[in-house]
Amino acid sequence: MTIEDMQTLALEHGLRISEEMSVNEMGIDFRVAFVKEVNGENWVLRIPRRSDMLEQIENESRILDLAKRNLSINVPDWKIVSERLIAYPLLEDAPALTFDAITHEVSWNIDRDSIAYVESLAKSLAQLHRITADDVRKSNLKIMTPSELRTEIADRIHLVKSEIGISEPLENRYRRWLDNDPLWPEFTCFIHGDLYAGHVLTSKEGKTSGIIDWSTAHMGDPALDFSGHVSVFGEDSLKSLITEYAKQGGTIWDRLYEQSIERAAAAPLAYGAFAVECNDDNHVNAARAALGIVQ
């Protein structure tokens, strides 16, 4: 899609943008462009790659409406929502970390040891997880029960093993995890589902100011929202996050820490399921490597 094509698409939806833009082509579902309106305001355009995505788009729109009503931080405010274009004003702050799409080099926008980051993220997580099941149900969003959490993982193991493969050590770990009753929560709550430092916007001082990329939000395992933190910041920081989360009124159980570690270890399994679903060779090959399968 050329610059002119994007300008025409935006104009058809009432948005006049300049030629000043940068485009991220990494997404399977969306092409993302960072653009400037002719009045100088910065916008984000998300352009669907397929024509069958309206249901997914409408689902994420309902997620954002729910999050917006319940969080004290910013989330994307979709001003344009159609099957051809999503557009919203760029949120003010940058993600805690970014990485180069070509070199995969990581750039930090905060101090990795920031206390303000952990405290403010814990507050936002507590607010998010307090959203009631009734509100989630009224928003017509996905609700998982505690018993369904393990079924999902068992089904995922079967799918990924049959389609891609899983190394024996990883499969053994996943099956031990499934059988370890105390690790699994007896409740579910509304979670982001793909939360890590690249999706958390912060001030220069490290204070959480916003969260982006909400497409996977649902009622599920709260440990999933802690797993991305341990993968980036390490186990000591995870312990601090859980402690602060409890101080903010977040509901925990004795093995939240261990469950978060296992959720992080299961990231290759989740990626494998995604690769099977999108049927993209690049993702399939990357998933095989992450799952310990020698090419």
C-alpha atoms as a PDB file:
ATOM      1  CA  MET A   1       0.000   0.000   0.000  1.00  0.00           C
ATOM      2  CA  THR A   2       1.486   3.338  -1.070  1.00  0.00           C
ATOM      3  CA  ILE A   3       1.436   6.617   0.847  1.00  0.00           C
ATOM      4  CA  GLU A   4      -1.174   7.858  -1.604  1.00  0.00           C
ATOM      5  CA  ASP A   5      -3.328   4.790  -0.961  1.00  0.00           C
ATOM      6  CA  MET A   6      -3.203   5.426   2.789  1.00  0.00           C
ATOM      7  CA  GLN A   7      -4.046   9.085   2.320  1.00  0.00           C
ATOM      8  CA  THR A   8      -7.026   8.158   0.152  1.00  0.00           C
ATOM      9  CA  LEU A   9      -8.247   5.517   2.631  1.00  0.00           C
ATOM     10  CA  ALA A  10      -7.964   7.952   5.542  1.00  0.00           C
ATOM     11  CA  LEU A  11      -9.730  10.716   3.606  1.00  0.00           C
ATOM     12  CA  GLU A  12     -12.606   8.365   2.788  1.00  0.00           C
ATOM     13  CA  HIS A  13     -13.068   8.058   6.552  1.00  0.00           C
ATOM     14  CA  GLY A  14     -12.855  11.818   7.157  1.00  0.00           C
ATOM     15  CA  LEU A  15      -9.180  12.021   8.168  1.00  0.00           C
ATOM     16  CA  ARG A  16      -6.776  14.215   6.190  1.00  0.00           C
ATOM     17  CA  ILE A  17      -3.182  13.052   6.690  1.00  0.00           C
ATOM     18  CA  SER A  18       0.126  14.330   5.368  1.00  0.00           C
ATOM     19  CA  GLU A  19       2.837  12.328   3.621  1.00  0.00           C
ATOM     20  CA  GLU A  20       4.799  12.184   6.890  1.00  0.00           C
ATOM     21  CA  MET A  21       4.370   8.608   8.127  1.00  0.00           C
ATOM     22  CA  SER A  22       6.127   5.432   9.199  1.00  0.00           C
ATOM     23  CA  VAL A  23       4.724   1.965   8.565  1.00  0.00           C
ATOM     24  CA  ASN A  24       5.108  -1.266  10.557  1.00  0.00           C
ATOM     25  CA  GLU A  25       4.485  -4.335   8.387  1.00  0.00           C
ATOM     26  CA  MET A  26       5.140  -6.969  11.085  1.00  0.00           C
ATOM     27  CA  GLY A  27       1.558  -7.728  12.037  1.00  0.00           C
ATOM     28  CA  ILE A  28      -0.239 -10.745  10.616  1.00  0.00           C
ATOM     29  CA  ASP A  29      -3.680  -9.140  10.896  1.00  0.00           C
ATOM     30  CA  PHE A  30      -2.959  -5.433  10.548  1.00  0.00           C
ATOM     31  CA  ARG A  31      -0.592  -3.064   8.793  1.00  0.00           C
ATOM     32  CA  VAL A  32       0.122  -0.236  11.250  1.00  0.00           C
ATOM     33  CA  ALA A  33       1.011   3.306  10.197  1.00  0.00           C
ATOM     34  CA  PHE A  34       2.018   6.241  12.376  1.00  0.00           C
ATOM     35  CA  VAL A  35       0.825   9.350  10.573  1.00  0.00           C
ATOM     36  CA  LYS A  36       0.326  13.079  11.048  1.00  0.00           C
ATOM     37  CA  GLU A  37      -2.979  14.802  10.394  1.00  0.00           C
ATOM     38  CA  VAL A  38      -2.735  18.010   8.356  1.00  0.00           C
ATOM     39  CA  ASN A  39      -3.451  19.993  11.552  1.00  0.00           C
ATOM     40  CA  GLY A  40      -0.334  18.427  13.130  1.00  0.00           C
ATOM     41  CA  GLU A  41      -1.975  15.810  15.394  1.00  0.00           C
ATOM     42  CA  ASN A  42      -0.341  12.378  15.421  1.00  0.00           C
ATOM     43  CA  TRP A  43      -2.549   9.358  14.666  1.00  0.00           C
ATOM     44  CA  VAL A  44      -2.233   5.589  14.477  1.00  0.00           C
ATOM     45  CA  LEU A  45      -3.817   3.772  11.530  1.00  0.00           C
ATOM     46  CA  ARG A  46      -4.484   0.034  11.686  1.00  0.00           C
ATOM     47  CA  ILE A  47      -5.317  -1.343   8.269  1.00  0.00           C
ATOM     48  CA  PRO A  48      -6.801  -4.877   8.186  1.00  0.00           C
ATOM     49  CA  ARG A  49      -4.997  -7.259   5.859  1.00  0.00           C
ATOM     50  CA  ARG A  50      -8.132  -9.326   5.220  1.00  0.00           C
ATOM     51  CA  SER A  51     -11.773  -8.580   4.520  1.00  0.00           C
ATOM     52  CA  ASP A  52     -13.136 -11.036   7.110  1.00  0.00           C
ATOM     53  CA  MET A  53     -11.960  -9.230  10.264  1.00  0.00           C
ATOM     54  CA  LEU A  54     -15.008  -7.160  11.199  1.00  0.00           C
ATOM     55  CA  GLU A  55     -16.033  -9.491  14.039  1.00  0.00           C
ATOM     56  CA  GLN A  56     -12.499  -9.363  15.516  1.00  0.00           C
ATOM     57  CA  ILE A  57     -12.446  -5.574  15.176  1.00  0.00           C
ATOM     58  CA  GLU A  58     -15.813  -5.151  16.874  1.00  0.00           C
ATOM     59  CA  ASN A  59     -14.705  -7.454  19.703  1.00  0.00           C
ATOM     60  CA  GLU A  60     -11.591  -5.372  20.389  1.00  0.00           C
ATOM     61  CA  SER A  61     -13.664  -2.197  20.234  1.00  0.00           C
ATOM     62  CA  ARG A  62     -15.884  -3.543  23.035  1.00  0.00           C
ATOM     63  CA  ILE A  63     -12.770  -4.515  25.010  1.00  0.00           C
ATOM     64  CA  LEU A  64     -11.427  -0.969  24.764  1.00  0.00           C
ATOM     65  CA  ASP A  65     -14.750   0.541  25.816  1.00  0.00           C
ATOM     66  CA  LEU A  66     -14.759  -1.688  28.904  1.00  0.00           C
ATOM     67  CA  ALA A  67     -11.131  -0.932  29.764  1.00  0.00           C
ATOM     68  CA  LYS A  68     -11.645   2.794  29.261  1.00  0.00           C
ATOM     69  CA  ARG A  69     -14.512   2.834  31.776  1.00  0.00           C
ATOM     70  CA  ASN A  70     -12.529   1.022  34.462  1.00  0.00           C
ATOM     71  CA  LEU A  71      -8.879   2.108  34.233  1.00  0.00           C
ATOM     72  CA  SER A  72      -7.272   5.344  35.372  1.00  0.00           C
ATOM     73  CA  ILE A  73      -4.640   5.054  32.601  1.00  0.00           C
ATOM     74  CA  ASN A  74      -5.012   5.609  28.858  1.00  0.00           C
ATOM     75  CA  VAL A  75      -6.051   3.049  26.272  1.00  0.00           C
ATOM     76  CA  PRO A  76      -6.443   3.631  22.511  1.00  0.00           C
ATOM     77  CA  ASP A  77      -9.522   5.754  21.785  1.00  0.00           C
ATOM     78  CA  TRP A  78     -10.743   4.469  18.439  1.00  0.00           C
ATOM     79  CA  LYS A  79     -12.274   7.403  16.564  1.00  0.00           C
ATOM     80  CA  ILE A  80     -12.658   5.511  13.285  1.00  0.00           C
ATOM     81  CA  VAL A  81     -13.811   1.886  13.295  1.00  0.00           C
ATOM     82  CA  SER A  82     -14.665   0.090  10.065  1.00  0.00           C
ATOM     83  CA  GLU A  83     -13.815  -3.159   8.311  1.00  0.00           C
ATOM     84  CA  ARG A  84     -11.247  -1.229   6.233  1.00  0.00           C
ATOM     85  CA  LEU A  85      -9.648   1.099   8.774  1.00  0.00           C
ATOM     86  CA  ILE A  86      -9.147   1.687  12.487  1.00  0.00           C
ATOM     87  CA  ALA A  87      -7.711   5.060  13.491  1.00  0.00           C
ATOM     88  CA  TYR A  88      -7.044   6.767  16.805  1.00  0.00           C
ATOM     89  CA  PRO A  89      -4.935   9.653  18.164  1.00  0.00           C
ATOM     90  CA  LEU A  90      -1.453   8.500  19.162  1.00  0.00           C
ATOM     91  CA  LEU A  91      -1.167   8.139  22.920  1.00  0.00           C
ATOM     92  CA  GLU A  92       1.274  10.503  24.551  1.00  0.00           C
ATOM     93  CA  ASP A  93       3.995   8.294  26.013  1.00  0.00           C
ATOM     94  CA  ALA A  94       6.263   5.602  24.570  1.00  0.00           C
ATOM     95  CA  PRO A  95       6.322   1.895  25.508  1.00  0.00           C
ATOM     96  CA  ALA A  96       8.688   0.901  28.305  1.00  0.00           C
ATOM     97  CA  LEU A  97      10.702  -0.915  25.659  1.00  0.00           C
ATOM     98  CA  THR A  98      10.739  -1.061  21.886  1.00  0.00           C
ATOM     99  CA  PHE A  99      12.612  -3.309  19.500  1.00  0.00           C
ATOM    100  CA  ASP A 100      13.820  -2.870  15.957  1.00  0.00           C
ATOM    101  CA  ALA A 101      11.680  -4.835  13.504  1.00  0.00           C
ATOM    102  CA  ILE A 102      14.752  -5.828  11.447  1.00  0.00           C
ATOM    103  CA  THR A 103      17.591  -6.253  13.955  1.00  0.00           C
ATOM    104  CA  HIS A 104      15.328  -7.064  16.960  1.00  0.00           C
ATOM    105  CA  GLU A 105      17.589  -4.803  19.027  1.00  0.00           C
ATOM    106  CA  VAL A 106      15.852  -3.733  22.250  1.00  0.00           C
ATOM    107  CA  SER A 107      15.728  -0.083  23.311  1.00  0.00           C
ATOM    108  CA  TRP A 108      14.699   0.813  26.848  1.00  0.00           C
ATOM    109  CA  ASN A 109      12.722   4.006  27.449  1.00  0.00           C
ATOM    110  CA  ILE A 110      12.806   3.641  31.239  1.00  0.00           C
ATOM    111  CA  ASP A 111      15.187   2.506  33.949  1.00  0.00           C
ATOM    112  CA  ARG A 112      14.778  -1.289  34.082  1.00  0.00           C
ATOM    113  CA  ASP A 113      14.961  -1.130  37.878  1.00  0.00           C
ATOM    114  CA  SER A 114      12.304   1.578  38.180  1.00  0.00           C
ATOM    115  CA  ILE A 115      10.242   1.219  41.354  1.00  0.00           C
ATOM    116  CA  ALA A 116       7.668   3.600  39.880  1.00  0.00           C
ATOM    117  CA  TYR A 117       7.098   1.190  36.991  1.00  0.00           C
ATOM    118  CA  VAL A 118       6.376  -1.797  39.226  1.00  0.00           C
ATOM    119  CA  GLU A 119       4.131   0.171  41.607  1.00  0.00           C
ATOM    120  CA  SER A 120       2.103   1.847  38.858  1.00  0.00           C
ATOM    121  CA  LEU A 121       1.788  -1.336  36.786  1.00  0.00           C
ATOM    122  CA  ALA A 122       0.523  -3.177  39.870  1.00  0.00           C
ATOM    123  CA  LYS A 123      -2.137  -0.499  40.376  1.00  0.00           C
ATOM    124  CA  SER A 124      -3.283  -0.787  36.759  1.00  0.00           C
ATOM    125  CA  LEU A 125      -3.393  -4.585  36.941  1.00  0.00           C
ATOM    126  CA  ALA A 126      -5.463  -4.466  40.128  1.00  0.00           C
ATOM    127  CA  GLN A 127      -7.944  -2.105  38.438  1.00  0.00           C
ATOM    128  CA  LEU A 128      -8.121  -4.290  35.343  1.00  0.00           C
ATOM    129  CA  HIS A 129      -8.599  -7.532  37.255  1.00  0.00           C
ATOM    130  CA  ARG A 130     -11.394  -6.002  39.362  1.00  0.00           C
ATOM    131  CA  ILE A 131     -13.653  -5.585  36.318  1.00  0.00           C
ATOM    132  CA  THR A 132     -16.651  -7.746  37.112  1.00  0.00           C
ATOM    133  CA  ALA A 133     -17.737 -10.832  35.216  1.00  0.00           C
ATOM    134  CA  ASP A 134     -21.159  -9.204  34.784  1.00  0.00           C
ATOM    135  CA  ASP A 135     -19.581  -6.247  32.975  1.00  0.00           C
ATOM    136  CA  VAL A 136     -17.532  -8.602  30.795  1.00  0.00           C
ATOM    137  CA  ARG A 137     -20.670 -10.597  30.000  1.00  0.00           C
ATOM    138  CA  LYS A 138     -22.634  -7.445  29.153  1.00  0.00           C
ATOM    139  CA  SER A 139     -19.818  -6.465  26.769  1.00  0.00           C
ATOM    140  CA  ASN A 140     -20.188  -9.849  25.044  1.00  0.00           C
ATOM    141  CA  LEU A 141     -16.551 -10.808  25.593  1.00  0.00           C
ATOM    142  CA  LYS A 142     -14.888 -14.177  26.095  1.00  0.00           C
ATOM    143  CA  ILE A 143     -15.271 -15.703  29.555  1.00  0.00           C
ATOM    144  CA  MET A 144     -13.244 -18.712  30.672  1.00  0.00           C
ATOM    145  CA  THR A 145     -14.011 -20.671  33.829  1.00  0.00           C
ATOM    146  CA  PRO A 146     -11.231 -22.085  36.052  1.00  0.00           C
ATOM    147  CA  SER A 147     -11.873 -25.592  34.741  1.00  0.00           C
ATOM    148  CA  GLU A 148     -11.434 -24.420  31.160  1.00  0.00           C
ATOM    149  CA  LEU A 149      -7.932 -23.042  31.760  1.00  0.00           C
ATOM    150  CA  ARG A 150      -6.268 -26.450  31.850  1.00  0.00           C
ATOM    151  CA  THR A 151      -8.445 -27.786  29.041  1.00  0.00           C
ATOM    152  CA  GLU A 152      -7.189 -24.961  26.832  1.00  0.00           C
ATOM    153  CA  ILE A 153      -3.564 -25.873  27.548  1.00  0.00           C
ATOM    154  CA  ALA A 154      -4.162 -29.593  27.033  1.00  0.00           C
ATOM    155  CA  ASP A 155      -5.838 -28.879  23.682  1.00  0.00           C
ATOM    156  CA  ARG A 156      -2.991 -26.575  22.735  1.00  0.00           C
ATOM    157  CA  ILE A 157      -0.390 -29.255  23.511  1.00  0.00           C
ATOM    158  CA  HIS A 158      -2.258 -31.737  21.304  1.00  0.00           C
ATOM    159  CA  LEU A 159      -2.599 -29.251  18.428  1.00  0.00           C
ATOM    160  CA  VAL A 160       0.959 -27.958  18.473  1.00  0.00           C
ATOM    161  CA  LYS A 161       2.522 -31.399  18.959  1.00  0.00           C
ATOM    162  CA  SER A 162       0.608 -32.818  15.986  1.00  0.00           C
ATOM    163  CA  GLU A 163       1.150 -29.848  13.657  1.00  0.00           C
ATOM    164  CA  ILE A 164       4.592 -28.505  14.612  1.00  0.00           C
ATOM    165  CA  GLY A 165       6.151 -30.677  17.293  1.00  0.00           C
ATOM    166  CA  ILE A 166       7.307 -30.098  20.860  1.00  0.00           C
ATOM    167  CA  SER A 167      10.610 -31.201  22.327  1.00  0.00           C
ATOM    168  CA  GLU A 168      10.324 -33.917  24.958  1.00  0.00           C
ATOM    169  CA  PRO A 169      11.662 -31.766  27.838  1.00  0.00           C
ATOM    170  CA  LEU A 170       9.163 -28.994  27.086  1.00  0.00           C
ATOM    171  CA  GLU A 171       6.249 -31.377  26.690  1.00  0.00           C
ATOM    172  CA  ASN A 172       7.129 -33.049  29.989  1.00  0.00           C
ATOM    173  CA  ARG A 173       7.234 -29.670  31.712  1.00  0.00           C
ATOM    174  CA  TYR A 174       3.872 -28.657  30.277  1.00  0.00           C
ATOM    175  CA  ARG A 175       2.254 -31.915  31.375  1.00  0.00           C
ATOM    176  CA  ARG A 176       3.704 -31.657  34.906  1.00  0.00           C
ATOM    177  CA  TRP A 177       2.314 -28.123  35.025  1.00  0.00           C
ATOM    178  CA  LEU A 178      -1.135 -29.356  33.983  1.00  0.00           C
ATOM    179  CA  ASP A 179      -1.106 -31.957  36.770  1.00  0.00           C
ATOM    180  CA  ASN A 180       0.075 -29.566  39.501  1.00  0.00           C
ATOM    181  CA  ASP A 181      -3.275 -28.683  41.080  1.00  0.00           C
ATOM    182  CA  PRO A 182      -2.122 -26.006  43.591  1.00  0.00           C
ATOM    183  CA  LEU A 183      -0.683 -23.830  40.817  1.00  0.00           C
ATOM    184  CA  TRP A 184      -4.001 -23.295  39.072  1.00  0.00           C
ATOM    185  CA  PRO A 185      -6.349 -20.524  40.277  1.00  0.00           C
ATOM    186  CA  GLU A 186      -9.853 -21.318  41.491  1.00  0.00           C
ATOM    187  CA  PHE A 187     -11.139 -18.118  39.874  1.00  0.00           C
ATOM    188  CA  THR A 188     -10.704 -16.165  36.657  1.00  0.00           C
ATOM    189  CA  CYS A 189     -10.680 -12.417  36.086  1.00  0.00           C
ATOM    190  CA  PHE A 190     -10.574  -9.947  33.219  1.00  0.00           C
ATOM    191  CA  ILE A 191      -7.024  -9.906  31.839  1.00  0.00           C
ATOM    192  CA  HIS A 192      -5.159  -8.170  29.041  1.00  0.00           C
ATOM    193  CA  GLY A 193      -3.749 -11.496  27.883  1.00  0.00           C
ATOM    194  CA  ASP A 194      -0.633 -10.189  26.093  1.00  0.00           C
ATOM    195  CA  LEU A 195       0.885  -7.843  28.636  1.00  0.00           C
ATOM    196  CA  TYR A 196       4.602  -7.082  28.601  1.00  0.00           C
ATOM    197  CA  ALA A 197       6.774  -3.958  28.643  1.00  0.00           C
ATOM    198  CA  GLY A 198       6.308  -3.376  24.902  1.00  0.00           C
ATOM    199  CA  HIS A 199       2.576  -2.881  25.433  1.00  0.00           C
ATOM    200  CA  VAL A 200       2.902  -0.667  28.531  1.00  0.00           C
ATOM    201  CA  LEU A 201       3.283   3.090  27.953  1.00  0.00           C
ATOM    202  CA  THR A 202       5.213   5.010  30.579  1.00  0.00           C
ATOM    203  CA  SER A 203       6.376   8.473  31.509  1.00  0.00           C
ATOM    204  CA  LYS A 204      10.113   9.145  31.406  1.00  0.00           C
ATOM    205  CA  GLU A 205      10.141   8.433  35.139  1.00  0.00           C
ATOM    206  CA  GLY A 206       8.756   4.957  34.492  1.00  0.00           C
ATOM    207  CA  LYS A 207       5.180   5.511  35.684  1.00  0.00           C
ATOM    208  CA  THR A 208       2.600   3.523  33.739  1.00  0.00           C
ATOM    209  CA  SER A 209       0.368   5.866  31.725  1.00  0.00           C
ATOM    210  CA  GLY A 210      -1.295   3.573  29.208  1.00  0.00           C
ATOM    211  CA  ILE A 211      -1.661   0.061  27.805  1.00  0.00           C
ATOM    212  CA  ILE A 212      -2.068  -0.852  24.131  1.00  0.00           C
ATOM    213  CA  ASP A 213      -2.819  -3.934  21.967  1.00  0.00           C
ATOM    214  CA  TRP A 214      -5.919  -5.300  23.673  1.00  0.00           C
ATOM    215  CA  SER A 215      -7.111  -7.867  21.118  1.00  0.00           C
ATOM    216  CA  THR A 216      -6.602 -10.889  23.422  1.00  0.00           C
ATOM    217  CA  ALA A 217      -8.340  -9.510  26.540  1.00  0.00           C
ATOM    218  CA  HIS A 218     -10.822 -11.895  28.201  1.00  0.00           C
ATOM    219  CA  MET A 219     -11.802 -13.501  31.496  1.00  0.00           C
ATOM    220  CA  GLY A 220      -8.914 -15.855  32.149  1.00  0.00           C
ATOM    221  CA  ASP A 221      -5.918 -16.781  34.303  1.00  0.00           C
ATOM    222  CA  PRO A 222      -4.566 -13.673  36.099  1.00  0.00           C
ATOM    223  CA  ALA A 223      -1.073 -15.218  36.062  1.00  0.00           C
ATOM    224  CA  LEU A 224      -0.977 -14.636  32.322  1.00  0.00           C
ATOM    225  CA  ASP A 225      -0.742 -10.881  32.951  1.00  0.00           C
ATOM    226  CA  PHE A 226       2.303 -11.428  35.189  1.00  0.00           C
ATOM    227  CA  SER A 227       4.123 -13.840  32.885  1.00  0.00           C
ATOM    228  CA  GLY A 228       5.254 -11.197  30.404  1.00  0.00           C
ATOM    229  CA  HIS A 229       6.807  -9.224  33.256  1.00  0.00           C
ATOM    230  CA  VAL A 230       9.012 -12.043  34.511  1.00  0.00           C
ATOM    231  CA  SER A 231      10.188 -12.757  30.965  1.00  0.00           C
ATOM    232  CA  VAL A 232      11.582  -9.217  30.683  1.00  0.00           C
ATOM    233  CA  PHE A 233      12.412  -8.134  34.238  1.00  0.00           C
ATOM    234  CA  GLY A 234      13.247 -11.403  35.992  1.00  0.00           C
ATOM    235  CA  GLU A 235      11.968 -13.323  38.988  1.00  0.00           C
ATOM    236  CA  ASP A 236      12.865 -10.807  41.721  1.00  0.00           C
ATOM    237  CA  SER A 237      10.913  -8.103  39.913  1.00  0.00           C
ATOM    238  CA  LEU A 238       7.976 -10.495  39.514  1.00  0.00           C
ATOM    239  CA  LYS A 239       7.926 -11.014  43.279  1.00  0.00           C
ATOM    240  CA  SER A 240       7.889  -7.245  43.777  1.00  0.00           C
ATOM    241  CA  LEU A 241       5.059  -6.825  41.268  1.00  0.00           C
ATOM    242  CA  ILE A 242       2.932  -9.462  43.015  1.00  0.00           C
ATOM    243  CA  THR A 243       3.587  -7.835  46.410  1.00  0.00           C
ATOM    244  CA  GLU A 244       2.563  -4.395  45.123  1.00  0.00           C
ATOM    245  CA  TYR A 245      -0.454  -5.894  43.341  1.00  0.00           C
ATOM    246  CA  ALA A 246      -1.690  -7.390  46.623  1.00  0.00           C
ATOM    247  CA  LYS A 247      -1.209  -4.003  48.335  1.00  0.00           C
ATOM    248  CA  GLN A 248      -3.424  -2.456  45.655  1.00  0.00           C
ATOM    249  CA  GLY A 249      -6.194  -4.924  46.422  1.00  0.00           C
ATOM    250  CA  GLY A 250      -5.415  -7.498  43.748  1.00  0.00           C
ATOM    251  CA  THR A 251      -6.596 -11.035  44.523  1.00  0.00           C
ATOM    252  CA  ILE A 252      -3.756 -13.546  44.783  1.00  0.00           C
ATOM    253  CA  TRP A 253      -3.306 -17.188  45.755  1.00  0.00           C
ATOM    254  CA  ASP A 254      -0.353 -19.000  47.311  1.00  0.00           C
ATOM    255  CA  ARG A 255       1.113 -20.145  44.001  1.00  0.00           C
ATOM    256  CA  LEU A 256       0.572 -17.102  41.778  1.00  0.00           C
ATOM    257  CA  TYR A 257       4.342 -16.674  41.498  1.00  0.00           C
ATOM    258  CA  GLU A 258       4.935 -20.265  40.370  1.00  0.00           C
ATOM    259  CA  GLN A 259       1.960 -20.164  37.993  1.00  0.00           C
ATOM    260  CA  SER A 260       3.332 -16.981  36.416  1.00  0.00           C
ATOM    261  CA  ILE A 261       6.688 -18.706  35.875  1.00  0.00           C
ATOM    262  CA  GLU A 262       4.975 -21.639  34.161  1.00  0.00           C
ATOM    263  CA  ARG A 263       2.848 -19.318  32.043  1.00  0.00           C
ATOM    264  CA  ALA A 264       6.046 -17.630  30.885  1.00  0.00           C
ATOM    265  CA  ALA A 265       7.609 -21.007  30.085  1.00  0.00           C
ATOM    266  CA  ALA A 266       4.518 -21.849  28.031  1.00  0.00           C
ATOM    267  CA  ALA A 267       4.964 -18.822  25.749  1.00  0.00           C
ATOM    268  CA  PRO A 268       6.437 -21.023  22.967  1.00  0.00           C
ATOM    269  CA  LEU A 269       3.341 -23.224  23.192  1.00  0.00           C
ATOM    270  CA  ALA A 270       1.055 -20.218  22.766  1.00  0.00           C
ATOM    271  CA  TYR A 271       3.191 -19.013  19.871  1.00  0.00           C
ATOM    272  CA  GLY A 272       2.985 -22.450  18.282  1.00  0.00           C
ATOM    273  CA  ALA A 273      -0.819 -22.369  18.461  1.00  0.00           C
ATOM    274  CA  PHE A 274      -0.786 -18.911  16.875  1.00  0.00           C
ATOM    275  CA  ALA A 275       1.544 -20.121  14.113  1.00  0.00           C
ATOM    276  CA  VAL A 276      -0.748 -23.043  13.326  1.00  0.00           C
ATOM    277  CA  GLU A 277      -3.756 -20.730  13.225  1.00  0.00           C
ATOM    278  CA  CYS A 278      -2.215 -18.144  10.898  1.00  0.00           C
ATOM    279  CA  ASN A 279      -0.462 -20.817   8.777  1.00  0.00           C
ATOM    280  CA  ASP A 280       2.482 -18.554   8.018  1.00  0.00           C
ATOM    281  CA  ASP A 281       5.756 -20.361   7.248  1.00  0.00           C
ATOM    282  CA  ASN A 282       7.896 -17.746   8.971  1.00  0.00           C
ATOM    283  CA  HIS A 283       5.934 -18.077  12.197  1.00  0.00           C
ATOM    284  CA  VAL A 284       5.759 -21.868  11.940  1.00  0.00           C
ATOM    285  CA  ASN A 285       9.546 -22.117  11.577  1.00  0.00           C
ATOM    286  CA  ALA A 286      10.134 -19.673  14.431  1.00  0.00           C
ATOM    287  CA  ALA A 287       7.704 -21.615  16.627  1.00  0.00           C
ATOM    288  CA  ARG A 288       9.494 -24.885  15.865  1.00  0.00           C
ATOM    289  CA  ALA A 289      12.753 -23.344  17.034  1.00  0.00           C
ATOM    290  CA  ALA A 290      11.147 -21.954  20.196  1.00  0.00           C
ATOM    291  CA  LEU A 291       9.628 -25.369  20.924  1.00  0.00           C
ATOM    292  CA  GLY A 292      13.031 -27.065  20.639  1.00  0.00           C
ATOM    293  CA  ILE A 293      12.411 -28.801  17.321  1.00  0.00           C
ATOM    294  CA  VAL A 294      15.596 -29.118  15.238  1.00  0.00           C
ATOM    295  CA  GLN A 295      15.030 -28.109  11.633  1.00  0.00           C
END
